[in-house]
Amino acid sequence: MPPIPLGRVDAHFWLTQGMARTLGINLSEAMAEGRLDADDYAEMVTRCRGAACCARCIAWMGQQGAGASAAPDFCVNADRLNALRS
């Protein structure tokens, strides 16, 4: 089976950032506090690049208004984002 092509780094970097912001998470702050390191951050972006849910993520973020209490189940980074939120 051929490998799944990854999406554009810049687009998925911003999707990861946007999902975090929607949850009230500042990823730069999490890194400064030692709750997230550069490798973990890069892994989150890479996981996002391999997911096929961009349009769904964008739509979900647009529907959240004041923010969300948890990442959606379809997000490949939901567990990590939810852990950073607590």
N, C-alpha and C. Protein backbone atom coordinates (compact mmCIF):
# COMPACT_ATOMS: atom_id res chain seq x y z
N MET A 1 0.85 -1.18 0.00
CA MET A 1 0.00 0.00 0.00
C MET A 1 0.89 1.23 0.00
N PRO A 2 0.67 2.17 -0.93
CA PRO A 2 1.51 3.37 -0.99
C PRO A 2 1.27 4.27 0.22
N PRO A 3 2.30 5.02 0.62
CA PRO A 3 2.13 5.91 1.77
C PRO A 3 1.14 7.04 1.45
N ILE A 4 0.45 7.50 2.46
CA ILE A 4 -0.49 8.62 2.30
C ILE A 4 0.34 9.90 2.24
N PRO A 5 0.13 10.72 1.23
CA PRO A 5 0.89 11.98 1.17
C PRO A 5 0.47 12.91 2.31
N LEU A 6 1.45 13.59 2.87
CA LEU A 6 1.17 14.52 3.96
C LEU A 6 0.74 15.87 3.38
N GLY A 7 -0.10 16.56 4.14
CA GLY A 7 -0.54 17.90 3.74
C GLY A 7 0.57 18.92 3.95
N ARG A 8 0.31 20.14 3.53
CA ARG A 8 1.29 21.22 3.63
C ARG A 8 1.58 21.55 5.09
N VAL A 9 2.86 21.69 5.40
CA VAL A 9 3.29 21.98 6.77
C VAL A 9 2.64 23.26 7.29
N ASP A 10 2.68 24.33 6.50
CA ASP A 10 2.15 25.60 6.98
C ASP A 10 0.66 25.53 7.29
N ALA A 11 -0.11 24.89 6.43
CA ALA A 11 -1.55 24.79 6.65
C ALA A 11 -1.86 24.01 7.92
N HIS A 12 -1.14 22.93 8.14
CA HIS A 12 -1.42 22.08 9.30
C HIS A 12 -0.83 22.66 10.59
N PHE A 13 0.22 23.44 10.46
CA PHE A 13 0.72 24.18 11.62
C PHE A 13 -0.39 25.11 12.12
N TRP A 14 -1.01 25.85 11.19
CA TRP A 14 -2.06 26.80 11.59
C TRP A 14 -3.33 26.08 12.04
N LEU A 15 -3.64 24.93 11.46
CA LEU A 15 -4.79 24.16 11.94
C LEU A 15 -4.56 23.69 13.38
N THR A 16 -3.36 23.22 13.65
CA THR A 16 -3.03 22.77 15.01
C THR A 16 -3.11 23.95 15.98
N GLN A 17 -2.57 25.09 15.58
CA GLN A 17 -2.64 26.29 16.40
C GLN A 17 -4.10 26.70 16.64
N GLY A 18 -4.88 26.68 15.57
CA GLY A 18 -6.29 27.08 15.67
C GLY A 18 -7.08 26.18 16.58
N MET A 19 -6.86 24.88 16.47
CA MET A 19 -7.57 23.94 17.33
C MET A 19 -7.20 24.20 18.78
N ALA A 20 -5.92 24.41 19.05
CA ALA A 20 -5.47 24.70 20.41
C ALA A 20 -6.13 25.98 20.93
N ARG A 21 -6.11 27.03 20.12
CA ARG A 21 -6.72 28.32 20.53
C ARG A 21 -8.20 28.16 20.84
N THR A 22 -8.89 27.37 20.03
CA THR A 22 -10.31 27.13 20.25
C THR A 22 -10.55 26.49 21.61
N LEU A 23 -9.56 25.74 22.08
CA LEU A 23 -9.66 25.08 23.38
C LEU A 23 -9.07 25.92 24.50
N GLY A 24 -8.62 27.12 24.17
CA GLY A 24 -8.04 28.01 25.19
C GLY A 24 -6.60 27.66 25.54
N ILE A 25 -5.92 26.97 24.63
CA ILE A 25 -4.53 26.56 24.86
C ILE A 25 -3.59 27.43 24.05
N ASN A 26 -2.57 27.96 24.69
CA ASN A 26 -1.51 28.68 24.01
C ASN A 26 -0.32 27.73 23.94
N LEU A 27 -0.03 27.21 22.76
CA LEU A 27 1.02 26.19 22.62
C LEU A 27 2.40 26.75 22.94
N SER A 28 2.65 28.01 22.62
CA SER A 28 3.95 28.62 22.96
C SER A 28 4.11 28.70 24.48
N GLU A 29 3.04 29.06 25.14
CA GLU A 29 3.05 29.12 26.61
C GLU A 29 3.25 27.72 27.20
N ALA A 30 2.59 26.72 26.64
CA ALA A 30 2.75 25.34 27.10
C ALA A 30 4.20 24.89 26.96
N MET A 31 4.85 25.32 25.88
CA MET A 31 6.27 24.98 25.70
C MET A 31 7.12 25.70 26.74
N ALA A 32 6.85 26.97 26.95
CA ALA A 32 7.63 27.75 27.92
C ALA A 32 7.48 27.19 29.34
N GLU A 33 6.32 26.61 29.62
CA GLU A 33 6.05 26.03 30.94
C GLU A 33 6.56 24.59 31.06
N GLY A 34 7.06 24.02 29.97
CA GLY A 34 7.58 22.66 29.99
C GLY A 34 6.51 21.59 29.88
N ARG A 35 5.30 21.96 29.50
CA ARG A 35 4.20 20.98 29.34
C ARG A 35 4.17 20.39 27.94
N LEU A 36 4.94 20.99 27.03
CA LEU A 36 5.02 20.54 25.64
C LEU A 36 6.42 20.83 25.16
N ASP A 37 7.07 19.85 24.53
CA ASP A 37 8.40 20.14 23.99
C ASP A 37 8.33 20.20 22.47
N ALA A 38 9.41 20.62 21.86
CA ALA A 38 9.45 20.85 20.41
C ALA A 38 9.14 19.57 19.63
N ASP A 39 9.64 18.42 20.11
CA ASP A 39 9.36 17.17 19.41
C ASP A 39 7.88 16.82 19.46
N ASP A 40 7.25 17.02 20.63
CA ASP A 40 5.82 16.75 20.76
C ASP A 40 5.00 17.66 19.83
N TYR A 41 5.40 18.92 19.79
CA TYR A 41 4.72 19.90 18.94
C TYR A 41 4.84 19.49 17.48
N ALA A 42 6.05 19.16 17.05
CA ALA A 42 6.27 18.73 15.67
C ALA A 42 5.47 17.47 15.35
N GLU A 43 5.38 16.56 16.30
CA GLU A 43 4.62 15.34 16.11
C GLU A 43 3.12 15.65 15.94
N MET A 44 2.63 16.61 16.69
CA MET A 44 1.22 17.00 16.56
C MET A 44 0.94 17.54 15.15
N VAL A 45 1.82 18.39 14.66
CA VAL A 45 1.65 18.95 13.32
C VAL A 45 1.74 17.85 12.27
N THR A 46 2.68 16.93 12.43
CA THR A 46 2.83 15.82 11.48
C THR A 46 1.60 14.92 11.49
N ARG A 47 1.06 14.62 12.68
CA ARG A 47 -0.17 13.82 12.75
C ARG A 47 -1.31 14.54 12.01
N CYS A 48 -1.41 15.83 12.21
CA CYS A 48 -2.43 16.62 11.53
C CYS A 48 -2.23 16.55 10.02
N ARG A 49 -1.00 16.62 9.57
CA ARG A 49 -0.69 16.56 8.14
C ARG A 49 -1.15 15.26 7.51
N GLY A 50 -1.16 14.17 8.29
CA GLY A 50 -1.56 12.87 7.78
C GLY A 50 -3.04 12.58 7.88
N ALA A 51 -3.77 13.47 8.54
CA ALA A 51 -5.21 13.29 8.71
C ALA A 51 -5.96 13.88 7.52
N ALA A 52 -7.11 13.34 7.26
CA ALA A 52 -7.91 13.82 6.12
C ALA A 52 -9.17 14.53 6.61
N CYS A 53 -9.00 15.43 7.58
CA CYS A 53 -10.18 16.06 8.16
C CYS A 53 -10.08 17.59 8.20
N CYS A 54 -9.29 18.19 7.33
CA CYS A 54 -9.09 19.65 7.36
C CYS A 54 -10.40 20.42 7.31
N ALA A 55 -11.23 20.12 6.33
CA ALA A 55 -12.49 20.86 6.18
C ALA A 55 -13.37 20.67 7.41
N ARG A 56 -13.37 19.47 7.93
CA ARG A 56 -14.16 19.18 9.14
C ARG A 56 -13.63 19.97 10.34
N CYS A 57 -12.31 20.06 10.48
CA CYS A 57 -11.71 20.81 11.58
C CYS A 57 -12.04 22.30 11.47
N ILE A 58 -11.90 22.83 10.28
CA ILE A 58 -12.18 24.25 10.07
C ILE A 58 -13.65 24.55 10.38
N ALA A 59 -14.55 23.69 9.92
CA ALA A 59 -15.98 23.88 10.20
C ALA A 59 -16.25 23.80 11.69
N TRP A 60 -15.65 22.82 12.37
CA TRP A 60 -15.86 22.66 13.81
C TRP A 60 -15.37 23.89 14.57
N MET A 61 -14.17 24.37 14.23
CA MET A 61 -13.64 25.55 14.91
C MET A 61 -14.54 26.76 14.69
N GLY A 62 -15.08 26.90 13.49
CA GLY A 62 -15.97 28.02 13.18
C GLY A 62 -17.27 27.98 13.94
N GLN A 63 -17.69 26.81 14.39
CA GLN A 63 -18.95 26.66 15.12
C GLN A 63 -18.80 26.83 16.63
N GLN A 64 -17.58 26.97 17.12
CA GLN A 64 -17.38 26.97 18.56
C GLN A 64 -17.61 28.30 19.26
N GLY A 65 -17.63 29.39 18.52
CA GLY A 65 -17.90 30.69 19.12
C GLY A 65 -16.93 31.03 20.24
N ALA A 66 -17.39 30.98 21.47
CA ALA A 66 -16.58 31.39 22.64
C ALA A 66 -15.53 30.36 23.03
N GLY A 67 -15.49 29.25 22.36
CA GLY A 67 -14.49 28.24 22.67
C GLY A 67 -15.14 26.90 22.98
N ALA A 68 -14.33 25.90 23.11
CA ALA A 68 -14.81 24.54 23.34
C ALA A 68 -14.17 23.98 24.60
N SER A 69 -14.86 23.04 25.22
CA SER A 69 -14.35 22.44 26.44
C SER A 69 -13.49 21.20 26.16
N ALA A 70 -13.58 20.66 24.96
CA ALA A 70 -12.78 19.48 24.59
C ALA A 70 -12.63 19.43 23.08
N ALA A 71 -11.55 18.81 22.64
CA ALA A 71 -11.32 18.62 21.21
C ALA A 71 -12.33 17.60 20.67
N PRO A 72 -12.71 17.73 19.41
CA PRO A 72 -13.65 16.76 18.83
C PRO A 72 -12.99 15.39 18.68
N ASP A 73 -13.81 14.36 18.75
CA ASP A 73 -13.31 12.99 18.65
C ASP A 73 -12.55 12.72 17.35
N PHE A 74 -12.91 13.39 16.28
CA PHE A 74 -12.26 13.13 15.00
C PHE A 74 -10.87 13.75 14.88
N CYS A 75 -10.49 14.60 15.82
CA CYS A 75 -9.17 15.24 15.78
C CYS A 75 -8.09 14.24 16.16
N VAL A 76 -7.07 14.11 15.32
CA VAL A 76 -5.99 13.16 15.58
C VAL A 76 -5.15 13.58 16.79
N ASN A 77 -5.26 14.84 17.20
CA ASN A 77 -4.52 15.34 18.35
C ASN A 77 -5.42 15.56 19.57
N ALA A 78 -6.62 15.03 19.55
CA ALA A 78 -7.58 15.27 20.63
C ALA A 78 -7.03 14.90 22.00
N ASP A 79 -6.44 13.73 22.13
CA ASP A 79 -5.93 13.30 23.44
C ASP A 79 -4.87 14.27 23.96
N ARG A 80 -3.93 14.64 23.10
CA ARG A 80 -2.85 15.54 23.52
C ARG A 80 -3.38 16.93 23.85
N LEU A 81 -4.28 17.45 23.03
CA LEU A 81 -4.86 18.76 23.28
C LEU A 81 -5.69 18.77 24.56
N ASN A 82 -6.48 17.74 24.76
CA ASN A 82 -7.30 17.66 25.97
C ASN A 82 -6.41 17.57 27.22
N ALA A 83 -5.31 16.86 27.11
CA ALA A 83 -4.36 16.77 28.24
C ALA A 83 -3.73 18.12 28.52
N LEU A 84 -3.39 18.87 27.49
CA LEU A 84 -2.81 20.20 27.68
C LEU A 84 -3.82 21.17 28.28
N ARG A 85 -5.08 20.94 28.01
CA ARG A 85 -6.13 21.82 28.52
C ARG A 85 -6.35 21.64 30.01
N SER A 86 -6.13 20.42 30.51
CA SER A 86 -6.41 20.18 31.94
C SER A 86 -5.29 20.65 32.86
